[in-house]
Amino acid sequence: MKGITQRLVETTLRKYGVPEWVDPYVHKYLKSNPVSVVKFATSFIDTKRKKGEVTKKYVRLPNGTTFGMDSIIHLLNLFYYGEDRMVGIYKDWSENSTEHNAEYSARFAAMMPLKAKHARAIKNMMEGLGKRPEAKEPKEIKEVFDYIGSLKAWNDRILATNVVLRGSYANVFGTIFFKVFYPVSPEFMRSLGKAFETDAIDNEWGFEEARKIIADGLVPEERILQLARELTARVLLSIEANMKFAKKAKIPKELELLRDIAVANPFHTLKELGLEIDVDKEVKMVASVAKGLSTQKKAAKR
């Protein structure tokens, strides 16, 4: 992949704010995908003049991609569960922490209504499509948030939520989700987008706190990496657990691409924040940790 087509792909990625380190992952995906490079690169260009379509059976994006409604509902349910769980986690952190920090407690207490608003927006969107959130929690997603909720040290919590979780979920799935789906533009999608816009100030605060923690050496480097590996491994397992839904939606290669970026993203961020790490080595470590967790779960079932 060289010349005009490669430049077209990379120009498209820069247009949507995708960092350059992602390029090799996208090029690898394109080489394994029967869809041409040019079609991929142009599919997300100038779609504003085109209209998407929402029916009871499917959602068709402006670029022509069609998703069955059951796949859309499943995706929204994952978003809903994550936002709803964070409300409870923030409440616990702000009220019951053994490590006293008045500023952090107040910050997370103030973020609770925003997370609750996000959850309501997603629930309203699902109800607009004639569905309700599933009563049963997705097991692999639950394990991600159980791990986050178990963290006791405030510095660990800041790093986990503002570097790892945001890097793996929000920056990869959330951003792409909105940039691809937003042009469909029914009223419920516009409302959902507005609900998430309120995060900007708190996101900036959290990331700057994470930067300070690392710059001031408040958490040993090995602990930071351990935290990132353990949480990202659980994120990896949660993504792979949804591969059957991706196959049903005929986008397994796309989910594999997002999975690979989601696993690498936190470590690229840590490297940008000053840690001297080998990202490829860390990605392999995450795969190893995830394999160990899977083995433990299988053993526990026997």
C-alpha atoms as a PDB file:
ATOM      1  CA  MET A   1       0.000   0.000   0.000  1.00  0.00           C
ATOM      2  CA  LYS A   2       1.928   3.002  -1.242  1.00  0.00           C
ATOM      3  CA  GLY A   3       1.508   6.343  -2.921  1.00  0.00           C
ATOM      4  CA  ILE A   4      -1.860   8.013  -3.357  1.00  0.00           C
ATOM      5  CA  THR A   5      -3.986   5.353  -1.607  1.00  0.00           C
ATOM      6  CA  GLN A   6      -1.790   5.291   1.498  1.00  0.00           C
ATOM      7  CA  ARG A   7      -1.806   9.072   1.709  1.00  0.00           C
ATOM      8  CA  LEU A   8      -5.575   9.060   1.282  1.00  0.00           C
ATOM      9  CA  VAL A   9      -6.025   6.645   4.175  1.00  0.00           C
ATOM     10  CA  GLU A  10      -3.666   8.571   6.446  1.00  0.00           C
ATOM     11  CA  THR A  11      -5.264  11.912   5.532  1.00  0.00           C
ATOM     12  CA  THR A  12      -8.651  10.463   6.444  1.00  0.00           C
ATOM     13  CA  LEU A  13      -7.358   9.218   9.802  1.00  0.00           C
ATOM     14  CA  ARG A  14      -5.822  12.620  10.617  1.00  0.00           C
ATOM     15  CA  LYS A  15      -9.120  14.286   9.703  1.00  0.00           C
ATOM     16  CA  TYR A  16     -10.811  12.383  12.505  1.00  0.00           C
ATOM     17  CA  GLY A  17      -8.016  13.032  14.999  1.00  0.00           C
ATOM     18  CA  VAL A  18      -6.618   9.493  14.937  1.00  0.00           C
ATOM     19  CA  PRO A  19      -2.937   9.524  16.063  1.00  0.00           C
ATOM     20  CA  GLU A  20      -0.209   8.357  13.703  1.00  0.00           C
ATOM     21  CA  TRP A  21       0.716   5.303  15.783  1.00  0.00           C
ATOM     22  CA  VAL A  22      -2.627   3.792  14.726  1.00  0.00           C
ATOM     23  CA  ASP A  23      -1.654   3.775  11.026  1.00  0.00           C
ATOM     24  CA  PRO A  24       0.127   0.370  11.049  1.00  0.00           C
ATOM     25  CA  TYR A  25      -2.934  -1.268  12.620  1.00  0.00           C
ATOM     26  CA  VAL A  26      -5.207   0.196   9.947  1.00  0.00           C
ATOM     27  CA  HIS A  27      -2.844  -0.777   7.130  1.00  0.00           C
ATOM     28  CA  LYS A  28      -2.741  -4.339   8.474  1.00  0.00           C
ATOM     29  CA  TYR A  29      -6.535  -4.410   8.571  1.00  0.00           C
ATOM     30  CA  LEU A  30      -6.796  -3.124   5.014  1.00  0.00           C
ATOM     31  CA  LYS A  31      -4.400  -5.743   3.705  1.00  0.00           C
ATOM     32  CA  SER A  32      -6.563  -8.501   5.207  1.00  0.00           C
ATOM     33  CA  ASN A  33      -9.836  -6.940   4.102  1.00  0.00           C
ATOM     34  CA  PRO A  34     -11.370  -7.609   0.693  1.00  0.00           C
ATOM     35  CA  VAL A  35     -12.735  -4.065   0.604  1.00  0.00           C
ATOM     36  CA  SER A  36     -10.395  -1.806  -1.316  1.00  0.00           C
ATOM     37  CA  VAL A  37      -8.233   0.786   0.374  1.00  0.00           C
ATOM     38  CA  VAL A  38      -9.829   3.589  -1.582  1.00  0.00           C
ATOM     39  CA  LYS A  39     -13.350   2.486  -0.607  1.00  0.00           C
ATOM     40  CA  PHE A  40     -12.341   2.431   3.049  1.00  0.00           C
ATOM     41  CA  ALA A  41     -10.717   5.843   2.893  1.00  0.00           C
ATOM     42  CA  THR A  42     -13.547   7.501   1.003  1.00  0.00           C
ATOM     43  CA  SER A  43     -16.425   5.841   2.873  1.00  0.00           C
ATOM     44  CA  PHE A  44     -16.232   8.356   5.735  1.00  0.00           C
ATOM     45  CA  ILE A  45     -15.552  11.426   3.587  1.00  0.00           C
ATOM     46  CA  ASP A  46     -18.275  13.966   2.831  1.00  0.00           C
ATOM     47  CA  THR A  47     -21.161  11.904   4.194  1.00  0.00           C
ATOM     48  CA  LYS A  48     -22.953  14.978   5.555  1.00  0.00           C
ATOM     49  CA  ARG A  49     -24.916  15.382   2.339  1.00  0.00           C
ATOM     50  CA  LYS A  50     -26.155  11.832   2.574  1.00  0.00           C
ATOM     51  CA  LYS A  51     -28.778  10.650   5.014  1.00  0.00           C
ATOM     52  CA  GLY A  52     -28.700   7.519   7.090  1.00  0.00           C
ATOM     53  CA  GLU A  53     -31.765   5.445   7.753  1.00  0.00           C
ATOM     54  CA  VAL A  54     -33.222   4.038  10.974  1.00  0.00           C
ATOM     55  CA  THR A  55     -35.924   1.348  10.836  1.00  0.00           C
ATOM     56  CA  LYS A  56     -37.207  -1.245  13.287  1.00  0.00           C
ATOM     57  CA  LYS A  57     -34.912  -3.821  11.700  1.00  0.00           C
ATOM     58  CA  TYR A  58     -31.675  -1.986  10.905  1.00  0.00           C
ATOM     59  CA  VAL A  59     -29.587   1.180  10.955  1.00  0.00           C
ATOM     60  CA  ARG A  60     -27.993   2.204   7.677  1.00  0.00           C
ATOM     61  CA  LEU A  61     -25.137   4.694   7.962  1.00  0.00           C
ATOM     62  CA  PRO A  62     -24.556   7.478   5.440  1.00  0.00           C
ATOM     63  CA  ASN A  63     -21.584   5.534   4.037  1.00  0.00           C
ATOM     64  CA  GLY A  64     -23.882   2.609   3.183  1.00  0.00           C
ATOM     65  CA  THR A  65     -22.875   0.296   6.043  1.00  0.00           C
ATOM     66  CA  THR A  66     -25.916  -1.503   7.509  1.00  0.00           C
ATOM     67  CA  PHE A  67     -26.251  -2.952  11.024  1.00  0.00           C
ATOM     68  CA  GLY A  68     -29.084  -5.155  12.236  1.00  0.00           C
ATOM     69  CA  MET A  69     -31.081  -3.598  15.078  1.00  0.00           C
ATOM     70  CA  ASP A  70     -30.188  -6.455  17.431  1.00  0.00           C
ATOM     71  CA  SER A  71     -26.490  -5.565  16.995  1.00  0.00           C
ATOM     72  CA  ILE A  72     -27.200  -1.892  17.684  1.00  0.00           C
ATOM     73  CA  ILE A  73     -29.170  -2.756  20.832  1.00  0.00           C
ATOM     74  CA  HIS A  74     -26.382  -5.031  22.041  1.00  0.00           C
ATOM     75  CA  LEU A  75     -23.813  -2.264  21.554  1.00  0.00           C
ATOM     76  CA  LEU A  76     -25.989   0.296  23.324  1.00  0.00           C
ATOM     77  CA  ASN A  77     -26.548  -2.101  26.192  1.00  0.00           C
ATOM     78  CA  LEU A  78     -22.779  -2.351  26.723  1.00  0.00           C
ATOM     79  CA  PHE A  79     -22.499   1.441  26.783  1.00  0.00           C
ATOM     80  CA  TYR A  80     -25.430   1.687  29.183  1.00  0.00           C
ATOM     81  CA  TYR A  81     -24.023  -0.853  31.596  1.00  0.00           C
ATOM     82  CA  GLY A  82     -20.623   0.848  31.689  1.00  0.00           C
ATOM     83  CA  GLU A  83     -22.072   4.283  32.412  1.00  0.00           C
ATOM     84  CA  ASP A  84     -24.495   2.919  35.007  1.00  0.00           C
ATOM     85  CA  ARG A  85     -21.734   1.023  36.822  1.00  0.00           C
ATOM     86  CA  MET A  86     -19.531   4.113  36.977  1.00  0.00           C
ATOM     87  CA  VAL A  87     -22.294   5.998  38.808  1.00  0.00           C
ATOM     88  CA  GLY A  88     -22.133   3.425  41.612  1.00  0.00           C
ATOM     89  CA  ILE A  89     -18.333   3.334  41.600  1.00  0.00           C
ATOM     90  CA  TYR A  90     -18.033   7.128  41.804  1.00  0.00           C
ATOM     91  CA  LYS A  91     -20.584   7.184  44.627  1.00  0.00           C
ATOM     92  CA  ASP A  92     -18.601   4.609  46.599  1.00  0.00           C
ATOM     93  CA  TRP A  93     -15.308   6.408  46.006  1.00  0.00           C
ATOM     94  CA  SER A  94     -16.696   9.784  47.040  1.00  0.00           C
ATOM     95  CA  GLU A  95     -18.380   8.480  50.210  1.00  0.00           C
ATOM     96  CA  ASN A  96     -16.472   5.469  51.509  1.00  0.00           C
ATOM     97  CA  SER A  97     -12.769   5.881  50.723  1.00  0.00           C
ATOM     98  CA  THR A  98     -10.297   4.858  53.423  1.00  0.00           C
ATOM     99  CA  GLU A  99      -7.679   7.115  51.811  1.00  0.00           C
ATOM    100  CA  HIS A 100      -8.889  10.658  52.539  1.00  0.00           C
ATOM    101  CA  ASN A 101      -8.701  13.204  49.724  1.00  0.00           C
ATOM    102  CA  ALA A 102     -11.374  15.876  49.919  1.00  0.00           C
ATOM    103  CA  GLU A 103     -10.679  17.249  46.419  1.00  0.00           C
ATOM    104  CA  TYR A 104     -10.900  13.865  44.721  1.00  0.00           C
ATOM    105  CA  SER A 105     -14.018  12.891  46.687  1.00  0.00           C
ATOM    106  CA  ALA A 106     -15.712  16.132  45.638  1.00  0.00           C
ATOM    107  CA  ARG A 107     -14.630  15.727  42.013  1.00  0.00           C
ATOM    108  CA  PHE A 108     -16.022  12.228  41.662  1.00  0.00           C
ATOM    109  CA  ALA A 109     -19.208  13.162  43.531  1.00  0.00           C
ATOM    110  CA  ALA A 110     -19.701  15.995  41.026  1.00  0.00           C
ATOM    111  CA  MET A 111     -19.232  13.588  38.101  1.00  0.00           C
ATOM    112  CA  MET A 112     -21.955  11.206  39.314  1.00  0.00           C
ATOM    113  CA  PRO A 113     -24.878  13.232  37.852  1.00  0.00           C
ATOM    114  CA  LEU A 114     -23.096  13.395  34.495  1.00  0.00           C
ATOM    115  CA  LYS A 115     -22.619   9.635  34.365  1.00  0.00           C
ATOM    116  CA  ALA A 116     -26.254   9.168  35.388  1.00  0.00           C
ATOM    117  CA  LYS A 117     -27.273  11.543  32.587  1.00  0.00           C
ATOM    118  CA  HIS A 118     -25.261   9.483  30.096  1.00  0.00           C
ATOM    119  CA  ALA A 119     -26.946   6.278  31.263  1.00  0.00           C
ATOM    120  CA  ARG A 120     -30.404   7.867  30.970  1.00  0.00           C
ATOM    121  CA  ALA A 121     -29.618   9.152  27.481  1.00  0.00           C
ATOM    122  CA  ILE A 122     -28.610   5.683  26.324  1.00  0.00           C
ATOM    123  CA  LYS A 123     -31.681   4.128  27.977  1.00  0.00           C
ATOM    124  CA  ASN A 124     -33.931   6.705  26.289  1.00  0.00           C
ATOM    125  CA  MET A 125     -32.294   5.953  22.971  1.00  0.00           C
ATOM    126  CA  MET A 126     -32.923   2.234  23.398  1.00  0.00           C
ATOM    127  CA  GLU A 127     -36.545   2.859  24.356  1.00  0.00           C
ATOM    128  CA  GLY A 128     -36.853   5.049  21.257  1.00  0.00           C
ATOM    129  CA  LEU A 129     -35.873   1.955  19.294  1.00  0.00           C
ATOM    130  CA  GLY A 130     -38.504  -0.095  21.115  1.00  0.00           C
ATOM    131  CA  LYS A 131     -36.120  -1.892  23.496  1.00  0.00           C
ATOM    132  CA  ARG A 132     -35.036  -1.720  27.127  1.00  0.00           C
ATOM    133  CA  PRO A 133     -31.617  -2.396  28.712  1.00  0.00           C
ATOM    134  CA  GLU A 134     -31.003  -6.069  29.387  1.00  0.00           C
ATOM    135  CA  ALA A 135     -31.533  -7.066  33.016  1.00  0.00           C
ATOM    136  CA  LYS A 136     -28.564  -9.417  33.095  1.00  0.00           C
ATOM    137  CA  GLU A 137     -25.126  -7.833  33.277  1.00  0.00           C
ATOM    138  CA  PRO A 138     -22.680  -8.837  30.506  1.00  0.00           C
ATOM    139  CA  LYS A 139     -20.189 -10.985  32.467  1.00  0.00           C
ATOM    140  CA  GLU A 140     -16.944  -9.849  30.831  1.00  0.00           C
ATOM    141  CA  ILE A 141     -17.899  -6.169  31.035  1.00  0.00           C
ATOM    142  CA  LYS A 142     -18.855  -6.672  34.675  1.00  0.00           C
ATOM    143  CA  GLU A 143     -15.368  -8.001  35.421  1.00  0.00           C
ATOM    144  CA  VAL A 144     -13.793  -4.844  33.966  1.00  0.00           C
ATOM    145  CA  PHE A 145     -15.807  -2.589  36.266  1.00  0.00           C
ATOM    146  CA  ASP A 146     -15.502  -4.908  39.253  1.00  0.00           C
ATOM    147  CA  TYR A 147     -11.724  -4.508  38.953  1.00  0.00           C
ATOM    148  CA  ILE A 148     -11.990  -0.717  38.765  1.00  0.00           C
ATOM    149  CA  GLY A 149     -14.358  -0.618  41.718  1.00  0.00           C
ATOM    150  CA  SER A 150     -11.937  -2.681  43.805  1.00  0.00           C
ATOM    151  CA  LEU A 151      -9.140  -0.100  43.571  1.00  0.00           C
ATOM    152  CA  LYS A 152      -8.454   1.550  46.945  1.00  0.00           C
ATOM    153  CA  ALA A 153      -5.689   4.087  46.250  1.00  0.00           C
ATOM    154  CA  TRP A 154      -6.791   7.376  44.706  1.00  0.00           C
ATOM    155  CA  ASN A 155      -3.773   7.505  42.394  1.00  0.00           C
ATOM    156  CA  ASP A 156      -4.635   4.053  41.053  1.00  0.00           C
ATOM    157  CA  ARG A 157      -8.213   5.188  40.486  1.00  0.00           C
ATOM    158  CA  ILE A 158      -7.124   8.298  38.582  1.00  0.00           C
ATOM    159  CA  LEU A 159      -4.768   6.308  36.347  1.00  0.00           C
ATOM    160  CA  ALA A 160      -7.270   3.503  35.773  1.00  0.00           C
ATOM    161  CA  THR A 161     -10.157   5.759  34.762  1.00  0.00           C
ATOM    162  CA  ASN A 162      -8.294   8.527  32.914  1.00  0.00           C
ATOM    163  CA  VAL A 163      -5.557   6.596  31.122  1.00  0.00           C
ATOM    164  CA  VAL A 164      -6.556   2.943  30.803  1.00  0.00           C
ATOM    165  CA  LEU A 165     -10.365   2.895  30.712  1.00  0.00           C
ATOM    166  CA  ARG A 166     -10.714   6.098  28.707  1.00  0.00           C
ATOM    167  CA  GLY A 167      -7.943   4.994  26.351  1.00  0.00           C
ATOM    168  CA  SER A 168      -9.370   1.529  25.747  1.00  0.00           C
ATOM    169  CA  TYR A 169     -13.104   2.190  25.709  1.00  0.00           C
ATOM    170  CA  ALA A 170     -14.025   5.857  25.324  1.00  0.00           C
ATOM    171  CA  ASN A 171     -11.266   6.990  22.970  1.00  0.00           C
ATOM    172  CA  VAL A 172     -11.565   3.940  20.740  1.00  0.00           C
ATOM    173  CA  PHE A 173     -15.173   2.737  20.817  1.00  0.00           C
ATOM    174  CA  GLY A 174     -16.926   5.878  22.016  1.00  0.00           C
ATOM    175  CA  THR A 175     -15.201   8.274  19.642  1.00  0.00           C
ATOM    176  CA  ILE A 176     -15.545   6.047  16.602  1.00  0.00           C
ATOM    177  CA  PHE A 177     -19.114   5.216  17.552  1.00  0.00           C
ATOM    178  CA  PHE A 178     -20.182   8.845  17.553  1.00  0.00           C
ATOM    179  CA  LYS A 179     -18.180   9.872  14.495  1.00  0.00           C
ATOM    180  CA  VAL A 180     -19.659   7.059  12.448  1.00  0.00           C
ATOM    181  CA  PHE A 181     -23.199   6.998  13.817  1.00  0.00           C
ATOM    182  CA  TYR A 182     -23.784  10.693  14.422  1.00  0.00           C
ATOM    183  CA  PRO A 183     -24.438  11.543  10.729  1.00  0.00           C
ATOM    184  CA  VAL A 184     -27.584   9.348  10.903  1.00  0.00           C
ATOM    185  CA  SER A 185     -28.943  12.315  12.903  1.00  0.00           C
ATOM    186  CA  PRO A 186     -32.297  11.245  14.313  1.00  0.00           C
ATOM    187  CA  GLU A 187     -33.318  13.256  17.368  1.00  0.00           C
ATOM    188  CA  PHE A 188     -32.351  10.569  19.881  1.00  0.00           C
ATOM    189  CA  MET A 189     -28.789  10.467  18.499  1.00  0.00           C
ATOM    190  CA  ARG A 190     -28.411  14.240  18.702  1.00  0.00           C
ATOM    191  CA  SER A 191     -29.575  14.132  22.332  1.00  0.00           C
ATOM    192  CA  LEU A 192     -27.107  11.369  23.128  1.00  0.00           C
ATOM    193  CA  GLY A 193     -24.257  13.334  21.592  1.00  0.00           C
ATOM    194  CA  LYS A 194     -25.124  16.421  23.637  1.00  0.00           C
ATOM    195  CA  ALA A 195     -25.194  14.366  26.836  1.00  0.00           C
ATOM    196  CA  PHE A 196     -21.621  13.229  26.314  1.00  0.00           C
ATOM    197  CA  GLU A 197     -20.324  16.699  25.447  1.00  0.00           C
ATOM    198  CA  THR A 198     -20.567  17.683  29.129  1.00  0.00           C
ATOM    199  CA  ASP A 199     -17.589  15.463  29.943  1.00  0.00           C
ATOM    200  CA  ALA A 200     -14.954  17.749  28.423  1.00  0.00           C
ATOM    201  CA  ILE A 201     -13.908  19.714  31.528  1.00  0.00           C
ATOM    202  CA  ASP A 202     -13.779  16.682  33.826  1.00  0.00           C
ATOM    203  CA  ASN A 203     -11.900  14.669  31.198  1.00  0.00           C
ATOM    204  CA  GLU A 204      -9.251  17.393  30.999  1.00  0.00           C
ATOM    205  CA  TRP A 205      -8.955  17.541  34.797  1.00  0.00           C
ATOM    206  CA  GLY A 206      -8.610  13.776  35.134  1.00  0.00           C
ATOM    207  CA  PHE A 207      -5.976  13.486  32.436  1.00  0.00           C
ATOM    208  CA  GLU A 208      -3.935  16.335  33.921  1.00  0.00           C
ATOM    209  CA  GLU A 209      -4.094  14.664  37.333  1.00  0.00           C
ATOM    210  CA  ALA A 210      -2.828  11.448  35.757  1.00  0.00           C
ATOM    211  CA  ARG A 211      -0.026  13.401  34.108  1.00  0.00           C
ATOM    212  CA  LYS A 212       0.984  14.926  37.479  1.00  0.00           C
ATOM    213  CA  ILE A 213       0.920  11.555  39.235  1.00  0.00           C
ATOM    214  CA  ILE A 214       3.321  10.110  36.676  1.00  0.00           C
ATOM    215  CA  ALA A 215       5.533  13.201  36.393  1.00  0.00           C
ATOM    216  CA  ASP A 216       5.929  13.502  40.183  1.00  0.00           C
ATOM    217  CA  GLY A 217       6.628   9.790  40.612  1.00  0.00           C
ATOM    218  CA  LEU A 218       3.725   9.330  43.029  1.00  0.00           C
ATOM    219  CA  VAL A 219       3.174   5.765  41.812  1.00  0.00           C
ATOM    220  CA  PRO A 220       6.109   3.419  41.059  1.00  0.00           C
ATOM    221  CA  GLU A 221       6.462   2.640  37.367  1.00  0.00           C
ATOM    222  CA  GLU A 222       6.047  -1.095  37.917  1.00  0.00           C
ATOM    223  CA  ARG A 223       2.751  -0.501  39.750  1.00  0.00           C
ATOM    224  CA  ILE A 224       1.514   1.686  36.880  1.00  0.00           C
ATOM    225  CA  LEU A 225       2.344  -1.028  34.368  1.00  0.00           C
ATOM    226  CA  GLN A 226       0.807  -3.734  36.544  1.00  0.00           C
ATOM    227  CA  LEU A 227      -2.397  -1.709  36.820  1.00  0.00           C
ATOM    228  CA  ALA A 228      -2.463  -1.064  33.065  1.00  0.00           C
ATOM    229  CA  ARG A 229      -1.808  -4.715  32.205  1.00  0.00           C
ATOM    230  CA  GLU A 230      -4.416  -6.089  34.619  1.00  0.00           C
ATOM    231  CA  LEU A 231      -7.171  -3.706  33.554  1.00  0.00           C
ATOM    232  CA  THR A 232      -6.376  -3.825  29.829  1.00  0.00           C
ATOM    233  CA  ALA A 233      -6.356  -7.633  29.944  1.00  0.00           C
ATOM    234  CA  ARG A 234      -9.920  -7.530  31.242  1.00  0.00           C
ATOM    235  CA  VAL A 235     -10.839  -5.023  28.530  1.00  0.00           C
ATOM    236  CA  LEU A 236      -9.346  -7.407  25.962  1.00  0.00           C
ATOM    237  CA  LEU A 237     -11.452 -10.299  27.247  1.00  0.00           C
ATOM    238  CA  SER A 238     -14.584  -8.137  27.199  1.00  0.00           C
ATOM    239  CA  ILE A 239     -13.997  -7.263  23.544  1.00  0.00           C
ATOM    240  CA  GLU A 240     -13.275 -10.836  22.505  1.00  0.00           C
ATOM    241  CA  ALA A 241     -16.434 -11.984  24.283  1.00  0.00           C
ATOM    242  CA  ASN A 242     -18.384  -9.897  21.783  1.00  0.00           C
ATOM    243  CA  MET A 243     -16.737 -11.383  18.703  1.00  0.00           C
ATOM    244  CA  LYS A 244     -19.770 -13.593  18.034  1.00  0.00           C
ATOM    245  CA  PHE A 245     -21.916 -10.468  17.756  1.00  0.00           C
ATOM    246  CA  ALA A 246     -19.374  -8.898  15.404  1.00  0.00           C
ATOM    247  CA  LYS A 247     -19.491 -12.001  13.191  1.00  0.00           C
ATOM    248  CA  LYS A 248     -23.272 -11.845  13.141  1.00  0.00           C
ATOM    249  CA  ALA A 249     -23.054  -8.171  12.156  1.00  0.00           C
ATOM    250  CA  LYS A 250     -20.439  -9.122   9.531  1.00  0.00           C
ATOM    251  CA  ILE A 251     -17.762  -6.875  11.051  1.00  0.00           C
ATOM    252  CA  PRO A 252     -15.322  -9.308  12.756  1.00  0.00           C
ATOM    253  CA  LYS A 253     -12.283  -7.742  11.067  1.00  0.00           C
ATOM    254  CA  GLU A 254     -13.399  -4.298  12.189  1.00  0.00           C
ATOM    255  CA  LEU A 255     -13.771  -5.454  15.794  1.00  0.00           C
ATOM    256  CA  GLU A 256     -10.328  -7.080  15.642  1.00  0.00           C
ATOM    257  CA  LEU A 257      -8.921  -3.741  14.473  1.00  0.00           C
ATOM    258  CA  LEU A 258     -10.626  -1.863  17.325  1.00  0.00           C
ATOM    259  CA  ARG A 259      -9.481  -4.548  19.791  1.00  0.00           C
ATOM    260  CA  ASP A 260      -5.841  -4.184  18.778  1.00  0.00           C
ATOM    261  CA  ILE A 261      -5.999  -0.387  19.016  1.00  0.00           C
ATOM    262  CA  ALA A 262      -7.845  -0.542  22.361  1.00  0.00           C
ATOM    263  CA  VAL A 263      -5.140  -2.756  23.894  1.00  0.00           C
ATOM    264  CA  ALA A 264      -2.248  -0.642  22.622  1.00  0.00           C
ATOM    265  CA  ASN A 265      -3.778   2.779  23.342  1.00  0.00           C
ATOM    266  CA  PRO A 266      -3.172   2.977  27.132  1.00  0.00           C
ATOM    267  CA  PHE A 267       0.508   2.084  26.696  1.00  0.00           C
ATOM    268  CA  HIS A 268       1.047   4.648  23.959  1.00  0.00           C
ATOM    269  CA  THR A 269      -0.501   7.210  26.314  1.00  0.00           C
ATOM    270  CA  LEU A 270       1.777   6.128  29.182  1.00  0.00           C
ATOM    271  CA  LYS A 271       4.756   6.426  26.862  1.00  0.00           C
ATOM    272  CA  GLU A 272       3.671   9.947  25.873  1.00  0.00           C
ATOM    273  CA  LEU A 273       3.402  10.777  29.581  1.00  0.00           C
ATOM    274  CA  GLY A 274       7.030   9.870  30.145  1.00  0.00           C
ATOM    275  CA  LEU A 275       7.293   6.146  30.866  1.00  0.00           C
ATOM    276  CA  GLU A 276      10.074   4.415  28.952  1.00  0.00           C
ATOM    277  CA  ILE A 277       8.225   1.330  27.767  1.00  0.00           C
ATOM    278  CA  ASP A 278       8.145  -0.969  24.760  1.00  0.00           C
ATOM    279  CA  VAL A 279       4.505  -0.840  23.625  1.00  0.00           C
ATOM    280  CA  ASP A 280       4.703  -4.043  21.555  1.00  0.00           C
ATOM    281  CA  LYS A 281       6.143  -5.885  24.563  1.00  0.00           C
ATOM    282  CA  GLU A 282       3.365  -4.556  26.798  1.00  0.00           C
ATOM    283  CA  VAL A 283       0.698  -5.651  24.312  1.00  0.00           C
ATOM    284  CA  LYS A 284       2.127  -9.184  24.464  1.00  0.00           C
ATOM    285  CA  MET A 285       2.135  -8.991  28.270  1.00  0.00           C
ATOM    286  CA  VAL A 286      -1.556  -8.044  28.232  1.00  0.00           C
ATOM    287  CA  ALA A 287      -2.341 -11.043  26.032  1.00  0.00           C
ATOM    288  CA  SER A 288      -0.468 -13.254  28.494  1.00  0.00           C
ATOM    289  CA  VAL A 289      -2.354 -11.832  31.492  1.00  0.00           C
ATOM    290  CA  ALA A 290      -5.662 -12.269  29.662  1.00  0.00           C
ATOM    291  CA  LYS A 291      -4.812 -15.884  28.878  1.00  0.00           C
ATOM    292  CA  GLY A 292      -4.019 -16.470  32.562  1.00  0.00           C
ATOM    293  CA  LEU A 293      -7.347 -14.970  33.624  1.00  0.00           C
ATOM    294  CA  SER A 294      -9.205 -17.178  31.156  1.00  0.00           C
ATOM    295  CA  THR A 295      -7.401 -20.247  32.459  1.00  0.00           C
ATOM    296  CA  GLN A 296      -8.319 -19.340  36.047  1.00  0.00           C
ATOM    297  CA  LYS A 297     -11.990 -18.942  35.142  1.00  0.00           C
ATOM    298  CA  LYS A 298     -12.068 -22.285  33.340  1.00  0.00           C
ATOM    299  CA  ALA A 299     -10.410 -23.986  36.319  1.00  0.00           C
ATOM    300  CA  ALA A 300     -12.918 -22.414  38.724  1.00  0.00           C
ATOM    301  CA  LYS A 301     -15.829 -23.876  36.742  1.00  0.00           C
ATOM    302  CA  ARG A 302     -14.521 -27.458  37.089  1.00  0.00           C
END
